Amino acid sequence: MSGYDTLTDLLRARFSCRAFLDTPVPQDKIARIVQAARHVPSWCNAQPWQLIITSGAATDAFREALFTAASTTPPAPDLPWPEGYPGVYGDRRRACGFQLYDAVGIEKGDRAASGRQMMENYRLFGAPHVAIVTAPKALGPYGAMDTGGFVTAFCLAAQALGVASIPQAAIAAQALFVRNHFDIPEDAMILCAISFGYADPNHPANNLRTARAEVEDIVDWRR
């Protein structure tokens, strides 16, 4: 099998896991994931990504406190949320949401149930580990962009080792709480989290697979 085929298989196999077993991932395996992901490119080789990774009691304490904070505190991310999802971007967002609700048996228009499902973000979907992802504020949006490449590589490396994951921008909504909980310095942007562990194969949410745009929808060929 070629390297291209191997990479394509990983990309197709990776999915956003929304239900985890409580089985912990060995620390040496987590270190291998980070060791692989650190090879992604970055502007001037700045490598702006920094992680806090929890296990065991640290994950459980964070999960409980985060859920409480998200239940009572309005969103206040370090980076502004998107201004909107115009056109096809909104179509894709809605399609993903409806697929998730269908998978877990939420009827269209049931706001209470969809709200409860959204709050599962703040329970980390039951994951035994979470990586809090930050980058220096001084590097601005390009530092955040570089760190996005690291998040992708982390998820692919995890998939290669049989570990499921889900990047979560939702956690950034509680940036002040996260900063205080982990004593993160003010000069770091809290960008997202990656919850990870072993997928629960029996949970219906893990059957969800989203569609992808075709090459022709992405590339404007100029000759």
N, C-alpha and C. Protein backbone atom coordinates (compact mmCIF):
# COMPACT_ATOMS: atom_id res chain seq x y z
N MET A 1 0.84 -1.20 0.00
CA MET A 1 0.00 0.00 0.00
C MET A 1 0.88 1.25 0.00
N SER A 2 0.54 2.22 -0.80
CA SER A 2 1.32 3.45 -0.88
C SER A 2 1.05 4.34 0.33
N GLY A 3 1.96 5.31 0.55
CA GLY A 3 1.74 6.26 1.62
C GLY A 3 0.47 7.05 1.44
N TYR A 4 0.15 7.38 0.17
CA TYR A 4 -1.08 8.11 -0.12
C TYR A 4 -2.29 7.29 0.31
N ASP A 5 -2.28 6.00 -0.01
CA ASP A 5 -3.41 5.14 0.36
C ASP A 5 -3.54 5.03 1.87
N THR A 6 -2.42 4.91 2.55
CA THR A 6 -2.45 4.83 4.00
C THR A 6 -3.05 6.09 4.61
N LEU A 7 -2.61 7.25 4.12
CA LEU A 7 -3.13 8.51 4.63
C LEU A 7 -4.62 8.66 4.32
N THR A 8 -5.01 8.31 3.10
CA THR A 8 -6.42 8.41 2.72
C THR A 8 -7.29 7.51 3.58
N ASP A 9 -6.81 6.30 3.86
CA ASP A 9 -7.57 5.39 4.72
C ASP A 9 -7.75 5.99 6.12
N LEU A 10 -6.70 6.62 6.65
CA LEU A 10 -6.81 7.23 7.98
C LEU A 10 -7.80 8.39 7.97
N LEU A 11 -7.73 9.20 6.93
CA LEU A 11 -8.64 10.34 6.83
C LEU A 11 -10.09 9.89 6.74
N ARG A 12 -10.33 8.82 6.01
CA ARG A 12 -11.70 8.32 5.86
C ARG A 12 -12.19 7.62 7.12
N ALA A 13 -11.26 6.99 7.85
CA ALA A 13 -11.65 6.25 9.05
C ALA A 13 -11.89 7.18 10.24
N ARG A 14 -11.20 8.31 10.27
CA ARG A 14 -11.35 9.24 11.39
C ARG A 14 -12.76 9.82 11.42
N PHE A 15 -13.31 9.95 12.60
CA PHE A 15 -14.63 10.57 12.76
C PHE A 15 -14.65 11.27 14.11
N SER A 16 -15.58 12.16 14.28
CA SER A 16 -15.73 12.85 15.56
C SER A 16 -16.50 11.95 16.51
N CYS A 17 -15.79 11.40 17.46
CA CYS A 17 -16.37 10.44 18.40
C CYS A 17 -17.17 11.18 19.46
N ARG A 18 -18.41 10.77 19.66
CA ARG A 18 -19.27 11.44 20.63
C ARG A 18 -19.74 10.51 21.75
N ALA A 19 -19.04 9.41 21.93
CA ALA A 19 -19.30 8.51 23.06
C ALA A 19 -18.07 7.62 23.23
N PHE A 20 -17.51 7.64 24.43
CA PHE A 20 -16.27 6.92 24.70
C PHE A 20 -16.46 5.87 25.78
N LEU A 21 -15.64 4.84 25.72
CA LEU A 21 -15.50 3.92 26.84
C LEU A 21 -14.66 4.61 27.92
N ASP A 22 -14.75 4.11 29.15
CA ASP A 22 -13.96 4.75 30.21
C ASP A 22 -12.56 4.16 30.33
N THR A 23 -12.18 3.31 29.39
CA THR A 23 -10.85 2.70 29.40
C THR A 23 -9.78 3.75 29.11
N PRO A 24 -8.78 3.92 29.98
CA PRO A 24 -7.76 4.94 29.71
C PRO A 24 -6.80 4.51 28.62
N VAL A 25 -6.22 5.50 27.96
CA VAL A 25 -5.17 5.27 26.97
C VAL A 25 -3.83 5.33 27.69
N PRO A 26 -2.95 4.35 27.50
CA PRO A 26 -1.65 4.39 28.17
C PRO A 26 -0.89 5.67 27.82
N GLN A 27 -0.16 6.20 28.79
CA GLN A 27 0.52 7.47 28.57
C GLN A 27 1.56 7.39 27.46
N ASP A 28 2.21 6.24 27.32
CA ASP A 28 3.21 6.14 26.26
C ASP A 28 2.55 6.21 24.88
N LYS A 29 1.32 5.73 24.77
CA LYS A 29 0.60 5.84 23.50
C LYS A 29 0.20 7.29 23.24
N ILE A 30 -0.23 8.00 24.27
CA ILE A 30 -0.55 9.42 24.12
C ILE A 30 0.69 10.19 23.67
N ALA A 31 1.83 9.87 24.27
CA ALA A 31 3.07 10.54 23.89
C ALA A 31 3.42 10.27 22.43
N ARG A 32 3.13 9.07 21.96
CA ARG A 32 3.39 8.76 20.54
C ARG A 32 2.51 9.59 19.62
N ILE A 33 1.27 9.83 20.04
CA ILE A 33 0.37 10.68 19.24
C ILE A 33 0.95 12.08 19.11
N VAL A 34 1.37 12.65 20.24
CA VAL A 34 1.95 14.00 20.21
C VAL A 34 3.25 14.01 19.43
N GLN A 35 4.04 12.96 19.60
CA GLN A 35 5.32 12.88 18.89
C GLN A 35 5.13 12.91 17.38
N ALA A 36 4.08 12.26 16.90
CA ALA A 36 3.80 12.29 15.46
C ALA A 36 3.25 13.65 15.03
N ALA A 37 2.30 14.19 15.80
CA ALA A 37 1.62 15.42 15.40
C ALA A 37 2.56 16.62 15.36
N ARG A 38 3.63 16.59 16.13
CA ARG A 38 4.54 17.75 16.21
C ARG A 38 5.29 18.01 14.92
N HIS A 39 5.18 17.11 13.95
CA HIS A 39 5.90 17.27 12.69
C HIS A 39 5.15 18.12 11.67
N VAL A 40 3.99 18.64 12.01
CA VAL A 40 3.26 19.47 11.04
C VAL A 40 3.99 20.80 10.82
N PRO A 41 3.79 21.43 9.66
CA PRO A 41 4.46 22.71 9.39
C PRO A 41 3.85 23.86 10.18
N SER A 42 4.65 24.90 10.37
CA SER A 42 4.15 26.13 11.00
C SER A 42 4.97 27.31 10.48
N TRP A 43 4.36 28.49 10.53
CA TRP A 43 5.01 29.69 10.02
C TRP A 43 6.32 29.94 10.78
N CYS A 44 7.42 30.04 10.05
CA CYS A 44 8.76 30.26 10.62
C CYS A 44 9.14 29.17 11.61
N ASN A 45 8.50 28.01 11.50
CA ASN A 45 8.75 26.89 12.41
C ASN A 45 8.54 27.28 13.87
N ALA A 46 7.56 28.18 14.10
CA ALA A 46 7.30 28.65 15.47
C ALA A 46 6.73 27.55 16.36
N GLN A 47 6.02 26.58 15.77
CA GLN A 47 5.42 25.48 16.54
C GLN A 47 4.65 26.02 17.76
N PRO A 48 3.59 26.80 17.53
CA PRO A 48 2.94 27.53 18.62
C PRO A 48 2.06 26.68 19.54
N TRP A 49 1.74 25.47 19.17
CA TRP A 49 0.80 24.66 19.93
C TRP A 49 1.37 24.24 21.29
N GLN A 50 0.51 24.31 22.29
CA GLN A 50 0.81 23.82 23.63
C GLN A 50 -0.40 23.04 24.13
N LEU A 51 -0.16 21.99 24.88
CA LEU A 51 -1.23 21.12 25.36
C LEU A 51 -1.17 20.95 26.86
N ILE A 52 -2.34 20.86 27.46
CA ILE A 52 -2.50 20.27 28.80
C ILE A 52 -3.35 19.03 28.58
N ILE A 53 -2.86 17.87 29.01
CA ILE A 53 -3.57 16.61 28.80
C ILE A 53 -3.92 16.00 30.15
N THR A 54 -5.19 15.69 30.33
CA THR A 54 -5.65 15.12 31.59
C THR A 54 -5.92 13.63 31.48
N SER A 55 -5.83 12.98 32.62
CA SER A 55 -6.18 11.57 32.76
C SER A 55 -6.86 11.37 34.11
N GLY A 56 -7.60 10.29 34.24
CA GLY A 56 -8.13 9.87 35.53
C GLY A 56 -8.92 10.93 36.26
N ALA A 57 -8.54 11.15 37.53
CA ALA A 57 -9.27 12.09 38.38
C ALA A 57 -9.22 13.51 37.83
N ALA A 58 -8.13 13.87 37.17
CA ALA A 58 -8.02 15.22 36.61
C ALA A 58 -9.06 15.45 35.52
N THR A 59 -9.31 14.43 34.70
CA THR A 59 -10.36 14.55 33.68
C THR A 59 -11.73 14.67 34.33
N ASP A 60 -11.99 13.83 35.32
CA ASP A 60 -13.31 13.84 35.95
C ASP A 60 -13.58 15.16 36.66
N ALA A 61 -12.57 15.71 37.35
CA ALA A 61 -12.75 16.99 38.04
C ALA A 61 -13.02 18.11 37.04
N PHE A 62 -12.29 18.10 35.94
CA PHE A 62 -12.50 19.13 34.92
C PHE A 62 -13.87 18.99 34.29
N ARG A 63 -14.26 17.77 33.96
CA ARG A 63 -15.56 17.51 33.32
C ARG A 63 -16.70 18.06 34.19
N GLU A 64 -16.67 17.74 35.47
CA GLU A 64 -17.74 18.16 36.37
C GLU A 64 -17.79 19.68 36.50
N ALA A 65 -16.63 20.30 36.69
CA ALA A 65 -16.58 21.74 36.86
C ALA A 65 -16.92 22.47 35.56
N LEU A 66 -16.47 21.94 34.43
CA LEU A 66 -16.76 22.56 33.13
C LEU A 66 -18.26 22.54 32.85
N PHE A 67 -18.90 21.42 33.12
CA PHE A 67 -20.34 21.32 32.86
C PHE A 67 -21.10 22.35 33.70
N THR A 68 -20.70 22.50 34.94
CA THR A 68 -21.35 23.49 35.81
C THR A 68 -21.14 24.89 35.29
N ALA A 69 -19.91 25.19 34.87
CA ALA A 69 -19.61 26.53 34.34
C ALA A 69 -20.42 26.81 33.07
N ALA A 70 -20.47 25.84 32.17
CA ALA A 70 -21.18 26.03 30.90
C ALA A 70 -22.69 26.15 31.11
N SER A 71 -23.19 25.59 32.20
CA SER A 71 -24.62 25.66 32.49
C SER A 71 -25.04 27.02 33.03
N THR A 72 -24.07 27.83 33.49
CA THR A 72 -24.41 29.07 34.17
C THR A 72 -23.73 30.31 33.59
N THR A 73 -22.74 30.13 32.72
CA THR A 73 -21.92 31.26 32.26
C THR A 73 -22.06 31.44 30.75
N PRO A 74 -22.37 32.64 30.28
CA PRO A 74 -22.49 32.88 28.84
C PRO A 74 -21.15 32.64 28.13
N PRO A 75 -21.17 32.27 26.85
CA PRO A 75 -19.94 32.04 26.10
C PRO A 75 -19.09 33.30 26.02
N ALA A 76 -17.77 33.13 26.18
CA ALA A 76 -16.83 34.25 26.04
C ALA A 76 -15.49 33.69 25.57
N PRO A 77 -15.39 33.35 24.29
CA PRO A 77 -14.15 32.74 23.78
C PRO A 77 -13.04 33.77 23.62
N ASP A 78 -11.80 33.29 23.63
CA ASP A 78 -10.65 34.16 23.38
C ASP A 78 -10.63 34.66 21.94
N LEU A 79 -11.01 33.82 21.01
CA LEU A 79 -11.16 34.22 19.61
C LEU A 79 -12.64 34.36 19.31
N PRO A 80 -13.03 35.38 18.54
CA PRO A 80 -14.46 35.55 18.24
C PRO A 80 -15.02 34.38 17.44
N TRP A 81 -16.26 34.03 17.74
CA TRP A 81 -16.95 33.00 16.97
C TRP A 81 -17.13 33.48 15.53
N PRO A 82 -17.40 32.55 14.60
CA PRO A 82 -17.75 32.97 13.23
C PRO A 82 -18.92 33.95 13.23
N GLU A 83 -18.87 34.92 12.32
CA GLU A 83 -19.97 35.88 12.21
C GLU A 83 -21.23 35.21 11.70
N GLY A 84 -21.08 34.12 10.98
CA GLY A 84 -22.23 33.39 10.45
C GLY A 84 -21.75 32.27 9.56
N TYR A 85 -22.69 31.50 9.06
CA TYR A 85 -22.39 30.39 8.15
C TYR A 85 -23.22 30.58 6.89
N PRO A 86 -22.77 31.45 5.98
CA PRO A 86 -23.59 31.75 4.80
C PRO A 86 -23.58 30.62 3.78
N GLY A 87 -24.67 30.53 3.03
CA GLY A 87 -24.74 29.63 1.89
C GLY A 87 -24.47 28.17 2.22
N VAL A 88 -23.57 27.58 1.44
CA VAL A 88 -23.30 26.15 1.55
C VAL A 88 -22.72 25.78 2.91
N TYR A 89 -22.05 26.72 3.56
CA TYR A 89 -21.45 26.43 4.87
C TYR A 89 -22.54 26.21 5.91
N GLY A 90 -23.58 27.00 5.84
CA GLY A 90 -24.71 26.78 6.72
C GLY A 90 -25.45 25.50 6.39
N ASP A 91 -25.55 25.18 5.09
CA ASP A 91 -26.20 23.93 4.68
C ASP A 91 -25.47 22.73 5.29
N ARG A 92 -24.15 22.76 5.22
CA ARG A 92 -23.36 21.65 5.76
C ARG A 92 -23.51 21.55 7.28
N ARG A 93 -23.53 22.70 7.92
CA ARG A 93 -23.67 22.73 9.38
C ARG A 93 -25.01 22.14 9.80
N ARG A 94 -26.08 22.56 9.12
CA ARG A 94 -27.40 22.03 9.45
C ARG A 94 -27.49 20.54 9.17
N ALA A 95 -26.92 20.10 8.04
CA ALA A 95 -26.98 18.68 7.69
C ALA A 95 -26.29 17.84 8.75
N CYS A 96 -25.14 18.32 9.24
CA CYS A 96 -24.42 17.60 10.29
C CYS A 96 -25.26 17.50 11.55
N GLY A 97 -25.88 18.63 11.93
CA GLY A 97 -26.72 18.62 13.13
C GLY A 97 -27.89 17.67 13.01
N PHE A 98 -28.57 17.69 11.86
CA PHE A 98 -29.72 16.80 11.67
C PHE A 98 -29.29 15.33 11.67
N GLN A 99 -28.12 15.05 11.09
CA GLN A 99 -27.62 13.67 11.12
C GLN A 99 -27.38 13.20 12.54
N LEU A 100 -26.79 14.07 13.35
CA LEU A 100 -26.54 13.71 14.75
C LEU A 100 -27.85 13.48 15.49
N TYR A 101 -28.80 14.39 15.31
CA TYR A 101 -30.07 14.24 16.02
C TYR A 101 -30.80 12.98 15.58
N ASP A 102 -30.76 12.67 14.29
CA ASP A 102 -31.37 11.44 13.81
C ASP A 102 -30.69 10.22 14.44
N ALA A 103 -29.37 10.26 14.54
CA ALA A 103 -28.62 9.11 15.06
C ALA A 103 -28.98 8.81 16.51
N VAL A 104 -29.22 9.88 17.30
CA VAL A 104 -29.49 9.66 18.73
C VAL A 104 -30.97 9.77 19.06
N GLY A 105 -31.83 9.84 18.02
CA GLY A 105 -33.27 9.77 18.24
C GLY A 105 -33.91 11.06 18.71
N ILE A 106 -33.34 12.21 18.31
CA ILE A 106 -33.94 13.50 18.66
C ILE A 106 -34.80 13.98 17.50
N GLU A 107 -36.06 14.25 17.78
CA GLU A 107 -36.98 14.70 16.73
C GLU A 107 -36.69 16.15 16.35
N LYS A 108 -36.87 16.46 15.08
CA LYS A 108 -36.66 17.82 14.59
C LYS A 108 -37.56 18.78 15.34
N GLY A 109 -36.97 19.86 15.84
CA GLY A 109 -37.72 20.85 16.59
C GLY A 109 -37.73 20.65 18.08
N ASP A 110 -37.18 19.54 18.56
CA ASP A 110 -37.13 19.28 20.00
C ASP A 110 -35.92 20.01 20.58
N ARG A 111 -36.12 21.28 20.92
CA ARG A 111 -35.02 22.14 21.36
C ARG A 111 -34.43 21.67 22.69
N ALA A 112 -35.26 21.16 23.56
CA ALA A 112 -34.77 20.72 24.86
C ALA A 112 -33.80 19.55 24.69
N ALA A 113 -34.18 18.60 23.85
CA ALA A 113 -33.32 17.43 23.63
C ALA A 113 -32.04 17.80 22.90
N SER A 114 -32.17 18.68 21.89
CA SER A 114 -30.97 19.10 21.16
C SER A 114 -30.04 19.91 22.06
N GLY A 115 -30.62 20.68 22.98
CA GLY A 115 -29.81 21.42 23.95
C GLY A 115 -29.06 20.49 24.87
N ARG A 116 -29.73 19.42 25.32
CA ARG A 116 -29.04 18.45 26.18
C ARG A 116 -27.91 17.77 25.44
N GLN A 117 -28.14 17.46 24.17
CA GLN A 117 -27.09 16.84 23.37
C GLN A 117 -25.90 17.79 23.21
N MET A 118 -26.17 19.06 22.99
CA MET A 118 -25.10 20.04 22.86
C MET A 118 -24.27 20.11 24.14
N MET A 119 -24.93 20.01 25.29
CA MET A 119 -24.21 20.11 26.56
C MET A 119 -23.31 18.91 26.82
N GLU A 120 -23.48 17.83 26.05
CA GLU A 120 -22.56 16.70 26.18
C GLU A 120 -21.14 17.11 25.82
N ASN A 121 -20.99 18.19 25.04
CA ASN A 121 -19.65 18.73 24.80
C ASN A 121 -18.93 18.99 26.12
N TYR A 122 -19.68 19.48 27.11
CA TYR A 122 -19.07 19.88 28.37
C TYR A 122 -18.95 18.72 29.35
N ARG A 123 -19.45 17.58 28.97
CA ARG A 123 -19.13 16.33 29.68
C ARG A 123 -18.00 15.59 28.97
N LEU A 124 -17.47 16.21 27.92
CA LEU A 124 -16.37 15.63 27.11
C LEU A 124 -16.80 14.32 26.48
N PHE A 125 -18.10 14.14 26.30
CA PHE A 125 -18.67 12.93 25.70
C PHE A 125 -18.21 11.66 26.42
N GLY A 126 -17.88 11.82 27.70
CA GLY A 126 -17.45 10.67 28.49
C GLY A 126 -16.02 10.23 28.26
N ALA A 127 -15.23 11.03 27.58
CA ALA A 127 -13.85 10.64 27.26
C ALA A 127 -12.99 10.57 28.53
N PRO A 128 -12.06 9.63 28.58
CA PRO A 128 -11.17 9.54 29.73
C PRO A 128 -10.04 10.56 29.71
N HIS A 129 -9.85 11.22 28.57
CA HIS A 129 -8.76 12.19 28.45
C HIS A 129 -9.25 13.41 27.67
N VAL A 130 -8.66 14.55 27.98
CA VAL A 130 -8.88 15.74 27.17
C VAL A 130 -7.57 16.49 27.05
N ALA A 131 -7.31 17.00 25.85
CA ALA A 131 -6.16 17.88 25.61
C ALA A 131 -6.69 19.30 25.44
N ILE A 132 -6.26 20.20 26.28
CA ILE A 132 -6.58 21.61 26.14
C ILE A 132 -5.51 22.22 25.23
N VAL A 133 -5.94 22.84 24.14
CA VAL A 133 -5.02 23.31 23.11
C VAL A 133 -4.94 24.84 23.16
N THR A 134 -3.71 25.35 23.33
CA THR A 134 -3.50 26.79 23.38
C THR A 134 -2.39 27.19 22.41
N ALA A 135 -2.33 28.50 22.16
CA ALA A 135 -1.25 29.08 21.36
C ALA A 135 -1.01 30.50 21.89
N PRO A 136 0.19 31.04 21.70
CA PRO A 136 0.47 32.38 22.21
C PRO A 136 -0.39 33.44 21.53
N LYS A 137 -0.94 34.35 22.32
CA LYS A 137 -1.74 35.44 21.76
C LYS A 137 -0.92 36.29 20.80
N ALA A 138 0.38 36.43 21.07
CA ALA A 138 1.22 37.29 20.24
C ALA A 138 1.29 36.82 18.80
N LEU A 139 1.04 35.54 18.55
CA LEU A 139 1.10 35.00 17.20
C LEU A 139 -0.22 35.18 16.44
N GLY A 140 -1.25 35.63 17.12
CA GLY A 140 -2.50 35.99 16.49
C GLY A 140 -3.16 34.87 15.70
N PRO A 141 -3.94 35.24 14.67
CA PRO A 141 -4.68 34.24 13.92
C PRO A 141 -3.79 33.24 13.18
N TYR A 142 -2.58 33.64 12.83
CA TYR A 142 -1.72 32.68 12.14
C TYR A 142 -1.18 31.63 13.10
N GLY A 143 -0.97 32.00 14.34
CA GLY A 143 -0.63 30.98 15.33
C GLY A 143 -1.77 30.01 15.54
N ALA A 144 -3.00 30.55 15.53
CA ALA A 144 -4.18 29.68 15.64
C ALA A 144 -4.30 28.77 14.43
N MET A 145 -4.02 29.33 13.23
CA MET A 145 -4.09 28.52 12.01
C MET A 145 -3.07 27.39 12.05
N ASP A 146 -1.84 27.71 12.44
CA ASP A 146 -0.82 26.66 12.55
C ASP A 146 -1.25 25.58 13.54
N THR A 147 -1.85 26.01 14.64
CA THR A 147 -2.27 25.05 15.66
C THR A 147 -3.40 24.16 15.16
N GLY A 148 -4.23 24.69 14.26
CA GLY A 148 -5.26 23.86 13.64
C GLY A 148 -4.65 22.69 12.88
N GLY A 149 -3.51 22.93 12.23
CA GLY A 149 -2.82 21.82 11.57
C GLY A 149 -2.37 20.77 12.55
N PHE A 150 -1.92 21.21 13.72
CA PHE A 150 -1.50 20.26 14.76
C PHE A 150 -2.69 19.45 15.25
N VAL A 151 -3.85 20.10 15.42
CA VAL A 151 -5.05 19.38 15.88
C VAL A 151 -5.41 18.27 14.90
N THR A 152 -5.35 18.58 13.59
CA THR A 152 -5.64 17.56 12.58
C THR A 152 -4.66 16.41 12.68
N ALA A 153 -3.38 16.74 12.79
CA ALA A 153 -2.36 15.69 12.86
C ALA A 153 -2.53 14.84 14.12
N PHE A 154 -2.90 15.46 15.23
CA PHE A 154 -3.14 14.73 16.48
C PHE A 154 -4.25 13.71 16.27
N CYS A 155 -5.35 14.14 15.66
CA CYS A 155 -6.49 13.24 15.45
C CYS A 155 -6.14 12.09 14.50
N LEU A 156 -5.35 12.37 13.48
CA LEU A 156 -4.95 11.31 12.55
C LEU A 156 -3.98 10.33 13.19
N ALA A 157 -3.04 10.85 13.97
CA ALA A 157 -2.10 9.97 14.67
C ALA A 157 -2.84 9.10 15.68
N ALA A 158 -3.83 9.69 16.36
CA ALA A 158 -4.64 8.91 17.29
C ALA A 158 -5.38 7.80 16.56
N GLN A 159 -5.98 8.13 15.42
CA GLN A 159 -6.69 7.13 14.64
C GLN A 159 -5.77 5.99 14.23
N ALA A 160 -4.54 6.33 13.85
CA ALA A 160 -3.57 5.31 13.44
C ALA A 160 -3.25 4.34 14.57
N LEU A 161 -3.41 4.79 15.82
CA LEU A 161 -3.12 3.95 16.98
C LEU A 161 -4.39 3.40 17.61
N GLY A 162 -5.52 3.51 16.90
CA GLY A 162 -6.77 2.95 17.40
C GLY A 162 -7.46 3.78 18.46
N VAL A 163 -7.10 5.05 18.55
CA VAL A 163 -7.67 5.96 19.55
C VAL A 163 -8.63 6.93 18.86
N ALA A 164 -9.84 7.04 19.37
CA ALA A 164 -10.84 7.94 18.80
C ALA A 164 -10.70 9.32 19.42
N SER A 165 -11.19 10.33 18.71
CA SER A 165 -11.04 11.70 19.20
C SER A 165 -12.15 12.59 18.66
N ILE A 166 -12.28 13.76 19.27
CA ILE A 166 -13.18 14.79 18.75
C ILE A 166 -12.61 16.16 19.12
N PRO A 167 -12.24 16.97 18.13
CA PRO A 167 -11.86 18.35 18.43
C PRO A 167 -13.11 19.13 18.85
N GLN A 168 -12.98 19.97 19.88
CA GLN A 168 -14.14 20.66 20.43
C GLN A 168 -13.88 22.15 20.59
N ALA A 169 -14.38 22.94 19.64
CA ALA A 169 -14.32 24.39 19.80
C ALA A 169 -15.23 24.86 20.93
N ALA A 170 -16.24 24.06 21.26
CA ALA A 170 -17.20 24.46 22.30
C ALA A 170 -16.51 24.78 23.62
N ILE A 171 -15.44 24.08 23.92
CA ILE A 171 -14.76 24.30 25.20
C ILE A 171 -14.19 25.71 25.28
N ALA A 172 -13.81 26.28 24.11
CA ALA A 172 -13.26 27.64 24.09
C ALA A 172 -14.29 28.67 24.51
N ALA A 173 -15.57 28.33 24.48
CA ALA A 173 -16.61 29.25 24.93
C ALA A 173 -16.45 29.58 26.41
N GLN A 174 -15.81 28.68 27.15
CA GLN A 174 -15.58 28.88 28.57
C GLN A 174 -14.10 29.16 28.85
N ALA A 175 -13.54 30.04 28.04
CA ALA A 175 -12.10 30.30 28.11
C ALA A 175 -11.68 30.77 29.50
N LEU A 176 -12.42 31.66 30.12
CA LEU A 176 -12.03 32.16 31.44
C LEU A 176 -12.01 31.03 32.46
N PHE A 177 -13.05 30.19 32.45
CA PHE A 177 -13.07 29.06 33.38
C PHE A 177 -11.88 28.13 33.13
N VAL A 178 -11.65 27.79 31.87
CA VAL A 178 -10.55 26.87 31.53
C VAL A 178 -9.22 27.47 31.97
N ARG A 179 -9.05 28.78 31.72
CA ARG A 179 -7.80 29.45 32.11
C ARG A 179 -7.59 29.36 33.63
N ASN A 180 -8.64 29.62 34.38
CA ASN A 180 -8.52 29.58 35.84
C ASN A 180 -8.33 28.16 36.35
N HIS A 181 -9.04 27.22 35.75
CA HIS A 181 -8.97 25.84 36.23
C HIS A 181 -7.56 25.27 36.08
N PHE A 182 -6.93 25.56 34.96
CA PHE A 182 -5.60 24.98 34.69
C PHE A 182 -4.46 25.98 34.91
N ASP A 183 -4.79 27.17 35.41
CA ASP A 183 -3.78 28.19 35.65
C ASP A 183 -2.99 28.48 34.37
N ILE A 184 -3.72 28.70 33.30
CA ILE A 184 -3.11 29.02 32.00
C ILE A 184 -2.82 30.52 31.96
N PRO A 185 -1.64 30.92 31.54
CA PRO A 185 -1.29 32.35 31.56
C PRO A 185 -2.14 33.17 30.60
N GLU A 186 -2.24 34.46 30.89
CA GLU A 186 -3.06 35.37 30.10
C GLU A 186 -2.55 35.54 28.68
N ASP A 187 -1.25 35.27 28.45
CA ASP A 187 -0.70 35.47 27.11
C ASP A 187 -0.92 34.28 26.19
N ALA A 188 -1.74 33.31 26.62
CA ALA A 188 -2.07 32.15 25.79
C ALA A 188 -3.53 32.19 25.38
N MET A 189 -3.81 31.93 24.10
CA MET A 189 -5.18 31.81 23.61
C MET A 189 -5.67 30.38 23.84
N ILE A 190 -6.84 30.25 24.41
CA ILE A 190 -7.46 28.93 24.53
C ILE A 190 -8.26 28.70 23.27
N LEU A 191 -7.81 27.77 22.45
CA LEU A 191 -8.38 27.59 21.11
C LEU A 191 -9.45 26.52 21.04
N CYS A 192 -9.20 25.38 21.66
CA CYS A 192 -10.14 24.26 21.57
C CYS A 192 -9.68 23.19 22.54
N ALA A 193 -10.39 22.11 22.56
CA ALA A 193 -9.97 20.91 23.27
C ALA A 193 -10.05 19.73 22.31
N ILE A 194 -9.35 18.67 22.62
CA ILE A 194 -9.51 17.40 21.92
C ILE A 194 -9.82 16.35 22.97
N SER A 195 -11.05 15.88 23.01
CA SER A 195 -11.39 14.76 23.88
C SER A 195 -11.04 13.47 23.15
N PHE A 196 -10.45 12.52 23.88
CA PHE A 196 -10.02 11.31 23.19
C PHE A 196 -10.00 10.11 24.13
N GLY A 197 -10.03 8.94 23.51
CA GLY A 197 -10.05 7.67 24.22
C GLY A 197 -10.46 6.58 23.24
N TYR A 198 -11.07 5.54 23.74
CA TYR A 198 -11.54 4.46 22.88
C TYR A 198 -13.05 4.61 22.65
N ALA A 199 -13.45 4.52 21.40
CA ALA A 199 -14.84 4.75 21.04
C ALA A 199 -15.75 3.66 21.60
N ASP A 200 -16.94 4.07 22.02
CA ASP A 200 -17.99 3.12 22.41
C ASP A 200 -18.65 2.63 21.11
N PRO A 201 -18.42 1.37 20.72
CA PRO A 201 -18.93 0.90 19.43
C PRO A 201 -20.43 0.73 19.39
N ASN A 202 -21.08 0.75 20.56
CA ASN A 202 -22.51 0.50 20.62
C ASN A 202 -23.35 1.78 20.71
N HIS A 203 -22.68 2.93 20.77
CA HIS A 203 -23.43 4.17 20.89
C HIS A 203 -23.83 4.66 19.50
N PRO A 204 -25.12 4.99 19.29
CA PRO A 204 -25.57 5.37 17.94
C PRO A 204 -24.91 6.63 17.40
N ALA A 205 -24.46 7.53 18.27
CA ALA A 205 -23.81 8.76 17.78
C ALA A 205 -22.54 8.45 17.00
N ASN A 206 -21.92 7.31 17.30
CA ASN A 206 -20.66 6.97 16.64
C ASN A 206 -20.86 6.32 15.28
N ASN A 207 -22.11 6.20 14.86
CA ASN A 207 -22.39 5.73 13.49
C ASN A 207 -22.46 6.89 12.50
N LEU A 208 -22.41 8.10 13.02
CA LEU A 208 -22.54 9.29 12.16
C LEU A 208 -21.28 9.51 11.34
N ARG A 209 -21.47 9.68 10.03
CA ARG A 209 -20.37 10.05 9.14
C ARG A 209 -20.86 11.18 8.25
N THR A 210 -20.15 12.27 8.23
CA THR A 210 -20.57 13.44 7.47
C THR A 210 -20.08 13.36 6.03
N ALA A 211 -20.80 14.05 5.14
CA ALA A 211 -20.42 14.11 3.73
C ALA A 211 -19.26 15.08 3.54
N ARG A 212 -18.56 14.94 2.43
CA ARG A 212 -17.46 15.82 2.10
C ARG A 212 -17.68 16.43 0.71
N ALA A 213 -17.29 17.69 0.58
CA ALA A 213 -17.38 18.36 -0.71
C ALA A 213 -16.46 17.68 -1.72
N GLU A 214 -16.85 17.70 -2.97
CA GLU A 214 -16.03 17.13 -4.04
C GLU A 214 -14.90 18.09 -4.41
N VAL A 215 -13.89 17.54 -5.07
CA VAL A 215 -12.75 18.37 -5.49
C VAL A 215 -13.22 19.58 -6.28
N GLU A 216 -14.18 19.37 -7.16
CA GLU A 216 -14.68 20.45 -8.02
C GLU A 216 -15.36 21.57 -7.20
N ASP A 217 -15.83 21.23 -6.01
CA ASP A 217 -16.45 22.22 -5.13
C ASP A 217 -15.41 23.00 -4.34
N ILE A 218 -14.19 22.53 -4.32
CA ILE A 218 -13.15 23.12 -3.50
C ILE A 218 -12.14 23.92 -4.32
N VAL A 219 -11.80 23.40 -5.51
CA VAL A 219 -10.72 23.97 -6.30
C VAL A 219 -11.24 24.78 -7.46
N ASP A 220 -10.70 25.98 -7.61
CA ASP A 220 -10.93 26.81 -8.81
C ASP A 220 -9.66 26.69 -9.65
N TRP A 221 -9.70 25.79 -10.64
CA TRP A 221 -8.51 25.55 -11.47
C TRP A 221 -8.28 26.73 -12.40
N ARG A 222 -7.07 27.22 -12.43
CA ARG A 222 -6.69 28.34 -13.33
C ARG A 222 -5.58 27.84 -14.26
N ARG A 223 -5.81 27.97 -15.59
CA ARG A 223 -4.82 27.51 -16.55
C ARG A 223 -4.53 28.62 -17.56
